[in-house]
């Protein structure tokens, strides 16, 4: 088990997600919206991960990766 708190830099993560994304949309406006949507989803996914990590993991005992996997499956952006 890993020890210590893990926090994802939301902005860096979101930029990494969209760095090589090539939207299929034909117009600049639609392509821009697709990139923005992907950036925001990645940003808020990292934010929810950070919250999940802070609230559900006892740092003295380290990470329980099976619990992390279950928690990540339940993250929703609705």
PDB file of N, CA and C in Angstrom:
ATOM      1  N   UNK A   1       0.824  -1.185   0.000  1.00  0.00           N
ATOM      2  CA  UNK A   1       0.000   0.000   0.000  1.00  0.00           C
ATOM      3  C   UNK A   1       0.869   1.250   0.000  1.00  0.00           C
ATOM      4  N   UNK A   2       0.451   2.232  -0.755  1.00  0.00           N
ATOM      5  CA  UNK A   2       1.169   3.503  -0.793  1.00  0.00           C
ATOM      6  C   UNK A   2       0.796   4.335   0.421  1.00  0.00           C
ATOM      7  N   UNK A   3       1.710   5.166   0.847  1.00  0.00           N
ATOM      8  CA  UNK A   3       1.429   6.037   1.986  1.00  0.00           C
ATOM      9  C   UNK A   3       1.511   7.485   1.516  1.00  0.00           C
ATOM     10  N   UNK A   4       0.833   8.353   2.243  1.00  0.00           N
ATOM     11  CA  UNK A   4       0.852   9.764   1.903  1.00  0.00           C
ATOM     12  C   UNK A   4      -0.344  10.141   1.055  1.00  0.00           C
ATOM     13  N   UNK A   5      -0.642  11.412   1.104  1.00  0.00           N
ATOM     14  CA  UNK A   5      -1.815  11.918   0.408  1.00  0.00           C
ATOM     15  C   UNK A   5      -1.510  12.134  -1.066  1.00  0.00           C
ATOM     16  N   UNK A   6      -2.405  11.689  -1.902  1.00  0.00           N
ATOM     17  CA  UNK A   6      -2.277  11.864  -3.336  1.00  0.00           C
ATOM     18  C   UNK A   6      -3.304  12.895  -3.782  1.00  0.00           C
ATOM     19  N   UNK A   7      -2.847  13.943  -4.414  1.00  0.00           N
ATOM     20  CA  UNK A   7      -3.741  14.957  -4.964  1.00  0.00           C
ATOM     21  C   UNK A   7      -3.353  15.199  -6.418  1.00  0.00           C
ATOM     22  N   UNK A   8      -4.326  15.209  -7.288  1.00  0.00           N
ATOM     23  CA  UNK A   8      -4.103  15.482  -8.700  1.00  0.00           C
ATOM     24  C   UNK A   8      -4.241  16.980  -8.928  1.00  0.00           C
ATOM     25  N   UNK A   9      -3.292  17.565  -9.626  1.00  0.00           N
ATOM     26  CA  UNK A   9      -3.416  18.968 -10.024  1.00  0.00           C
ATOM     27  C   UNK A   9      -4.483  19.017 -11.117  1.00  0.00           C
ATOM     28  N   UNK A  10      -5.625  19.576 -10.778  1.00  0.00           N
ATOM     29  CA  UNK A  10      -6.773  19.556 -11.695  1.00  0.00           C
ATOM     30  C   UNK A  10      -6.467  20.197 -13.038  1.00  0.00           C
ATOM     31  N   UNK A  11      -5.832  21.348 -13.014  1.00  0.00           N
ATOM     32  CA  UNK A  11      -5.560  22.071 -14.250  1.00  0.00           C
ATOM     33  C   UNK A  11      -4.562  21.322 -15.131  1.00  0.00           C
ATOM     34  N   UNK A  12      -3.480  20.842 -14.538  1.00  0.00           N
ATOM     35  CA  UNK A  12      -2.486  20.092 -15.317  1.00  0.00           C
ATOM     36  C   UNK A  12      -3.095  18.827 -15.902  1.00  0.00           C
ATOM     37  N   UNK A  13      -3.921  18.154 -15.107  1.00  0.00           N
ATOM     38  CA  UNK A  13      -4.575  16.941 -15.583  1.00  0.00           C
ATOM     39  C   UNK A  13      -5.482  17.252 -16.773  1.00  0.00           C
ATOM     40  N   UNK A  14      -6.284  18.297 -16.655  1.00  0.00           N
ATOM     41  CA  UNK A  14      -7.209  18.654 -17.734  1.00  0.00           C
ATOM     42  C   UNK A  14      -6.457  19.042 -19.002  1.00  0.00           C
ATOM     43  N   UNK A  15      -5.373  19.798 -18.859  1.00  0.00           N
ATOM     44  CA  UNK A  15      -4.565  20.148 -20.038  1.00  0.00           C
ATOM     45  C   UNK A  15      -3.958  18.901 -20.672  1.00  0.00           C
ATOM     46  N   UNK A  16      -3.521  17.956 -19.866  1.00  0.00           N
ATOM     47  CA  UNK A  16      -2.942  16.721 -20.396  1.00  0.00           C
ATOM     48  C   UNK A  16      -3.986  15.923 -21.170  1.00  0.00           C
ATOM     49  N   UNK A  17      -5.215  15.913 -20.664  1.00  0.00           N
ATOM     50  CA  UNK A  17      -6.292  15.174 -21.323  1.00  0.00           C
ATOM     51  C   UNK A  17      -6.597  15.760 -22.705  1.00  0.00           C
ATOM     52  N   UNK A  18      -6.594  17.074 -22.835  1.00  0.00           N
ATOM     53  CA  UNK A  18      -6.951  17.689 -24.126  1.00  0.00           C
ATOM     54  C   UNK A  18      -5.747  17.947 -25.029  1.00  0.00           C
ATOM     55  N   UNK A  19      -4.543  17.696 -24.543  1.00  0.00           N
ATOM     56  CA  UNK A  19      -3.336  18.045 -25.293  1.00  0.00           C
ATOM     57  C   UNK A  19      -3.328  17.472 -26.710  1.00  0.00           C
ATOM     58  N   UNK A  20      -3.703  16.238 -26.885  1.00  0.00           N
ATOM     59  CA  UNK A  20      -3.664  15.612 -28.213  1.00  0.00           C
ATOM     60  C   UNK A  20      -5.051  15.255 -28.736  1.00  0.00           C
ATOM     61  N   UNK A  21      -6.066  15.833 -28.130  1.00  0.00           N
ATOM     62  CA  UNK A  21      -7.437  15.542 -28.545  1.00  0.00           C
ATOM     63  C   UNK A  21      -7.728  16.234 -29.865  1.00  0.00           C
ATOM     64  N   UNK A  22      -8.217  15.477 -30.821  1.00  0.00           N
ATOM     65  CA  UNK A  22      -8.584  15.999 -32.133  1.00  0.00           C
ATOM     66  C   UNK A  22     -10.078  15.770 -32.343  1.00  0.00           C
ATOM     67  N   UNK A  23     -10.900  16.788 -32.076  1.00  0.00           N
ATOM     68  CA  UNK A  23     -12.351  16.597 -32.227  1.00  0.00           C
ATOM     69  C   UNK A  23     -12.735  16.378 -33.695  1.00  0.00           C
ATOM     70  N   UNK A  24     -13.801  15.625 -33.906  1.00  0.00           N
ATOM     71  CA  UNK A  24     -14.274  15.305 -35.256  1.00  0.00           C
ATOM     72  C   UNK A  24     -15.182  16.381 -35.843  1.00  0.00           C
ATOM     73  N   UNK A  25     -15.549  17.372 -35.046  1.00  0.00           N
ATOM     74  CA  UNK A  25     -16.492  18.385 -35.497  1.00  0.00           C
ATOM     75  C   UNK A  25     -15.913  19.187 -36.671  1.00  0.00           C
ATOM     76  N   UNK A  26     -16.799  19.627 -37.548  1.00  0.00           N
ATOM     77  CA  UNK A  26     -16.387  20.313 -38.771  1.00  0.00           C
ATOM     78  C   UNK A  26     -16.177  21.819 -38.584  1.00  0.00           C
ATOM     79  N   UNK A  27     -16.909  22.442 -37.670  1.00  0.00           N
ATOM     80  CA  UNK A  27     -16.781  23.893 -37.508  1.00  0.00           C
ATOM     81  C   UNK A  27     -15.909  24.208 -36.304  1.00  0.00           C
ATOM     82  N   UNK A  28     -15.307  25.390 -36.340  1.00  0.00           N
ATOM     83  CA  UNK A  28     -14.453  25.814 -35.225  1.00  0.00           C
ATOM     84  C   UNK A  28     -15.238  25.906 -33.917  1.00  0.00           C
ATOM     85  N   UNK A  29     -16.449  26.408 -33.982  1.00  0.00           N
ATOM     86  CA  UNK A  29     -17.259  26.564 -32.783  1.00  0.00           C
ATOM     87  C   UNK A  29     -17.554  25.203 -32.151  1.00  0.00           C
ATOM     88  N   UNK A  30     -17.994  24.247 -32.956  1.00  0.00           N
ATOM     89  CA  UNK A  30     -18.290  22.915 -32.428  1.00  0.00           C
ATOM     90  C   UNK A  30     -17.034  22.232 -31.909  1.00  0.00           C
ATOM     91  N   UNK A  31     -15.930  22.395 -32.611  1.00  0.00           N
ATOM     92  CA  UNK A  31     -14.665  21.798 -32.161  1.00  0.00           C
ATOM     93  C   UNK A  31     -14.214  22.423 -30.849  1.00  0.00           C
ATOM     94  N   UNK A  32     -14.355  23.736 -30.726  1.00  0.00           N
ATOM     95  CA  UNK A  32     -13.981  24.425 -29.493  1.00  0.00           C
ATOM     96  C   UNK A  32     -14.840  23.965 -28.327  1.00  0.00           C
ATOM     97  N   UNK A  33     -16.123  23.807 -28.566  1.00  0.00           N
ATOM     98  CA  UNK A  33     -17.027  23.325 -27.525  1.00  0.00           C
ATOM     99  C   UNK A  33     -16.647  21.902 -27.095  1.00  0.00           C
ATOM    100  N   UNK A  34     -16.270  21.071 -28.050  1.00  0.00           N
ATOM    101  CA  UNK A  34     -15.878  19.692 -27.731  1.00  0.00           C
ATOM    102  C   UNK A  34     -14.622  19.673 -26.872  1.00  0.00           C
ATOM    103  N   UNK A  35     -13.654  20.515 -27.204  1.00  0.00           N
ATOM    104  CA  UNK A  35     -12.414  20.582 -26.422  1.00  0.00           C
ATOM    105  C   UNK A  35     -12.710  21.134 -25.030  1.00  0.00           C
ATOM    106  N   UNK A  36     -13.526  22.178 -24.948  1.00  0.00           N
ATOM    107  CA  UNK A  36     -13.876  22.761 -23.659  1.00  0.00           C
ATOM    108  C   UNK A  36     -14.621  21.751 -22.786  1.00  0.00           C
ATOM    109  N   UNK A  37     -15.555  21.037 -23.393  1.00  0.00           N
ATOM    110  CA  UNK A  37     -16.311  20.022 -22.654  1.00  0.00           C
ATOM    111  C   UNK A  37     -15.361  18.961 -22.102  1.00  0.00           C
ATOM    112  N   UNK A  38     -14.426  18.498 -22.908  1.00  0.00           N
ATOM    113  CA  UNK A  38     -13.468  17.482 -22.456  1.00  0.00           C
ATOM    114  C   UNK A  38     -12.579  18.027 -21.344  1.00  0.00           C
ATOM    115  N   UNK A  39     -12.137  19.294 -21.480  1.00  0.00           N
ATOM    116  CA  UNK A  39     -11.304  19.921 -20.458  1.00  0.00           C
ATOM    117  C   UNK A  39     -12.053  20.003 -19.136  1.00  0.00           C
ATOM    118  N   UNK A  40     -13.296  20.477 -19.173  1.00  0.00           N
ATOM    119  CA  UNK A  40     -14.078  20.634 -17.948  1.00  0.00           C
ATOM    120  C   UNK A  40     -14.393  19.300 -17.292  1.00  0.00           C
ATOM    121  N   UNK A  41     -14.697  18.298 -18.080  1.00  0.00           N
ATOM    122  CA  UNK A  41     -14.953  16.970 -17.518  1.00  0.00           C
ATOM    123  C   UNK A  41     -13.701  16.453 -16.822  1.00  0.00           C
ATOM    124  N   UNK A  42     -12.549  16.595 -17.453  1.00  0.00           N
ATOM    125  CA  UNK A  42     -11.293  16.137 -16.844  1.00  0.00           C
ATOM    126  C   UNK A  42     -10.995  16.917 -15.569  1.00  0.00           C
ATOM    127  N   UNK A  43     -11.221  18.228 -15.603  1.00  0.00           N
ATOM    128  CA  UNK A  43     -10.965  19.080 -14.438  1.00  0.00           C
ATOM    129  C   UNK A  43     -11.823  18.638 -13.254  1.00  0.00           C
ATOM    130  N   UNK A  44     -13.122  18.471 -13.495  1.00  0.00           N
ATOM    131  CA  UNK A  44     -14.019  18.114 -12.406  1.00  0.00           C
ATOM    132  C   UNK A  44     -13.863  16.653 -11.981  1.00  0.00           C
ATOM    133  N   UNK A  45     -13.448  15.789 -12.884  1.00  0.00           N
ATOM    134  CA  UNK A  45     -13.142  14.417 -12.505  1.00  0.00           C
ATOM    135  C   UNK A  45     -11.964  14.384 -11.534  1.00  0.00           C
ATOM    136  N   UNK A  46     -10.926  15.157 -11.831  1.00  0.00           N
ATOM    137  CA  UNK A  46      -9.774  15.235 -10.924  1.00  0.00           C
ATOM    138  C   UNK A  46     -10.193  15.840  -9.590  1.00  0.00           C
ATOM    139  N   UNK A  47     -11.054  16.840  -9.625  1.00  0.00           N
ATOM    140  CA  UNK A  47     -11.545  17.458  -8.393  1.00  0.00           C
ATOM    141  C   UNK A  47     -12.314  16.435  -7.551  1.00  0.00           C
ATOM    142  N   UNK A  48     -13.171  15.669  -8.184  1.00  0.00           N
ATOM    143  CA  UNK A  48     -13.930  14.652  -7.454  1.00  0.00           C
ATOM    144  C   UNK A  48     -13.009  13.559  -6.931  1.00  0.00           C
ATOM    145  N   UNK A  49     -11.992  13.204  -7.700  1.00  0.00           N
ATOM    146  CA  UNK A  49     -11.020  12.229  -7.209  1.00  0.00           C
ATOM    147  C   UNK A  49     -10.337  12.759  -5.957  1.00  0.00           C
ATOM    148  N   UNK A  50      -9.908  14.019  -5.994  1.00  0.00           N
ATOM    149  CA  UNK A  50      -9.240  14.610  -4.831  1.00  0.00           C
ATOM    150  C   UNK A  50     -10.153  14.604  -3.607  1.00  0.00           C
ATOM    151  N   UNK A  51     -11.419  14.895  -3.815  1.00  0.00           N
ATOM    152  CA  UNK A  51     -12.387  14.868  -2.712  1.00  0.00           C
ATOM    153  C   UNK A  51     -12.562  13.448  -2.192  1.00  0.00           C
ATOM    154  N   UNK A  52     -12.696  12.504  -3.109  1.00  0.00           N
ATOM    155  CA  UNK A  52     -12.830  11.105  -2.727  1.00  0.00           C
ATOM    156  C   UNK A  52     -11.616  10.659  -1.920  1.00  0.00           C
ATOM    157  N   UNK A  53     -10.451  11.001  -2.384  1.00  0.00           N
ATOM    158  CA  UNK A  53      -9.225  10.617  -1.695  1.00  0.00           C
ATOM    159  C   UNK A  53      -9.164  11.231  -0.309  1.00  0.00           C
ATOM    160  N   UNK A  54      -9.520  12.488  -0.196  1.00  0.00           N
ATOM    161  CA  UNK A  54      -9.467  13.178   1.093  1.00  0.00           C
ATOM    162  C   UNK A  54     -10.481  12.630   2.089  1.00  0.00           C
ATOM    163  N   UNK A  55     -11.657  12.268   1.609  1.00  0.00           N
ATOM    164  CA  UNK A  55     -12.742  11.866   2.498  1.00  0.00           C
ATOM    165  C   UNK A  55     -12.785  10.388   2.843  1.00  0.00           C
ATOM    166  N   UNK A  56     -12.213   9.543   2.004  1.00  0.00           N
ATOM    167  CA  UNK A  56     -12.446   8.113   2.176  1.00  0.00           C
ATOM    168  C   UNK A  56     -11.222   7.273   2.466  1.00  0.00           C
ATOM    169  N   UNK A  57     -10.071   7.888   2.572  1.00  0.00           N
ATOM    170  CA  UNK A  57      -8.873   7.099   2.782  1.00  0.00           C
ATOM    171  C   UNK A  57      -8.141   7.553   4.023  1.00  0.00           C
ATOM    172  N   UNK A  58      -7.874   6.614   4.893  1.00  0.00           N
ATOM    173  CA  UNK A  58      -7.136   6.888   6.116  1.00  0.00           C
ATOM    174  C   UNK A  58      -5.652   6.907   5.769  1.00  0.00           C
ATOM    175  N   UNK A  59      -5.040   8.081   5.831  1.00  0.00           N
ATOM    176  CA  UNK A  59      -3.660   8.213   5.399  1.00  0.00           C
ATOM    177  C   UNK A  59      -2.678   7.486   6.308  1.00  0.00           C
ATOM    178  N   UNK A  60      -3.057   7.211   7.538  1.00  0.00           N
ATOM    179  CA  UNK A  60      -2.163   6.471   8.429  1.00  0.00           C
ATOM    180  C   UNK A  60      -2.012   5.022   7.990  1.00  0.00           C
ATOM    181  N   UNK A  61      -3.028   4.487   7.375  1.00  0.00           N
ATOM    182  CA  UNK A  61      -2.990   3.095   6.937  1.00  0.00           C
ATOM    183  C   UNK A  61      -2.560   2.961   5.484  1.00  0.00           C
ATOM    184  N   UNK A  62      -2.511   4.050   4.757  1.00  0.00           N
ATOM    185  CA  UNK A  62      -2.169   3.993   3.342  1.00  0.00           C
ATOM    186  C   UNK A  62      -3.404   3.770   2.481  1.00  0.00           C
ATOM    187  N   UNK A  63      -3.163   3.593   1.208  1.00  0.00           N
ATOM    188  CA  UNK A  63      -4.234   3.452   0.231  1.00  0.00           C
ATOM    189  C   UNK A  63      -4.763   2.029   0.169  1.00  0.00           C
ATOM    190  N   UNK A  64      -6.063   1.915   0.028  1.00  0.00           N
ATOM    191  CA  UNK A  64      -6.696   0.645  -0.280  1.00  0.00           C
ATOM    192  C   UNK A  64      -7.135   0.756  -1.739  1.00  0.00           C
ATOM    193  N   UNK A  65      -6.355   0.171  -2.636  1.00  0.00           N
ATOM    194  CA  UNK A  65      -6.603   0.369  -4.060  1.00  0.00           C
ATOM    195  C   UNK A  65      -7.913  -0.265  -4.529  1.00  0.00           C
ATOM    196  N   UNK A  66      -8.375  -1.329  -3.880  1.00  0.00           N
ATOM    197  CA  UNK A  66      -9.664  -1.898  -4.269  1.00  0.00           C
ATOM    198  C   UNK A  66     -10.800  -0.943  -3.917  1.00  0.00           C
ATOM    199  N   UNK A  67     -10.683  -0.273  -2.775  1.00  0.00           N
ATOM    200  CA  UNK A  67     -11.684   0.729  -2.390  1.00  0.00           C
ATOM    201  C   UNK A  67     -11.627   1.925  -3.338  1.00  0.00           C
ATOM    202  N   UNK A  68     -10.429   2.321  -3.736  1.00  0.00           N
ATOM    203  CA  UNK A  68     -10.272   3.420  -4.693  1.00  0.00           C
ATOM    204  C   UNK A  68     -10.962   3.085  -6.010  1.00  0.00           C
ATOM    205  N   UNK A  69     -10.760   1.880  -6.516  1.00  0.00           N
ATOM    206  CA  UNK A  69     -11.374   1.488  -7.787  1.00  0.00           C
ATOM    207  C   UNK A  69     -12.895   1.540  -7.693  1.00  0.00           C
ATOM    208  N   UNK A  70     -13.456   1.063  -6.586  1.00  0.00           N
ATOM    209  CA  UNK A  70     -14.912   1.121  -6.398  1.00  0.00           C
ATOM    210  C   UNK A  70     -15.392   2.569  -6.349  1.00  0.00           C
ATOM    211  N   UNK A  71     -14.641   3.423  -5.662  1.00  0.00           N
ATOM    212  CA  UNK A  71     -15.014   4.825  -5.555  1.00  0.00           C
ATOM    213  C   UNK A  71     -14.964   5.532  -6.890  1.00  0.00           C
ATOM    214  N   UNK A  72     -13.946   5.256  -7.685  1.00  0.00           N
ATOM    215  CA  UNK A  72     -13.821   5.891  -8.997  1.00  0.00           C
ATOM    216  C   UNK A  72     -14.963   5.493  -9.924  1.00  0.00           C
ATOM    217  N   UNK A  73     -15.420   4.244  -9.820  1.00  0.00           N
ATOM    218  CA  UNK A  73     -16.542   3.799 -10.635  1.00  0.00           C
ATOM    219  C   UNK A  73     -17.826   4.545 -10.301  1.00  0.00           C
ATOM    220  N   UNK A  74     -17.920   5.074  -9.094  1.00  0.00           N
ATOM    221  CA  UNK A  74     -19.139   5.757  -8.684  1.00  0.00           C
ATOM    222  C   UNK A  74     -19.103   7.268  -8.929  1.00  0.00           C
ATOM    223  N   UNK A  75     -17.991   7.802  -9.400  1.00  0.00           N
ATOM    224  CA  UNK A  75     -17.905   9.232  -9.687  1.00  0.00           C
ATOM    225  C   UNK A  75     -18.805   9.546 -10.887  1.00  0.00           C
ATOM    226  N   UNK A  76     -19.601  10.557 -10.743  1.00  0.00           N
ATOM    227  CA  UNK A  76     -20.511  10.983 -11.791  1.00  0.00           C
ATOM    228  C   UNK A  76     -20.407  12.488 -11.946  1.00  0.00           C
ATOM    229  N   UNK A  77     -20.550  12.965 -13.155  1.00  0.00           N
ATOM    230  CA  UNK A  77     -20.483  14.409 -13.400  1.00  0.00           C
ATOM    231  C   UNK A  77     -21.869  14.999 -13.638  1.00  0.00           C
ATOM    232  N   UNK A  78     -22.889  14.336 -13.149  1.00  0.00           N
ATOM    233  CA  UNK A  78     -24.275  14.812 -13.352  1.00  0.00           C
ATOM    234  C   UNK A  78     -24.620  15.847 -12.341  1.00  0.00           C
TER     235      UNK A  78
END
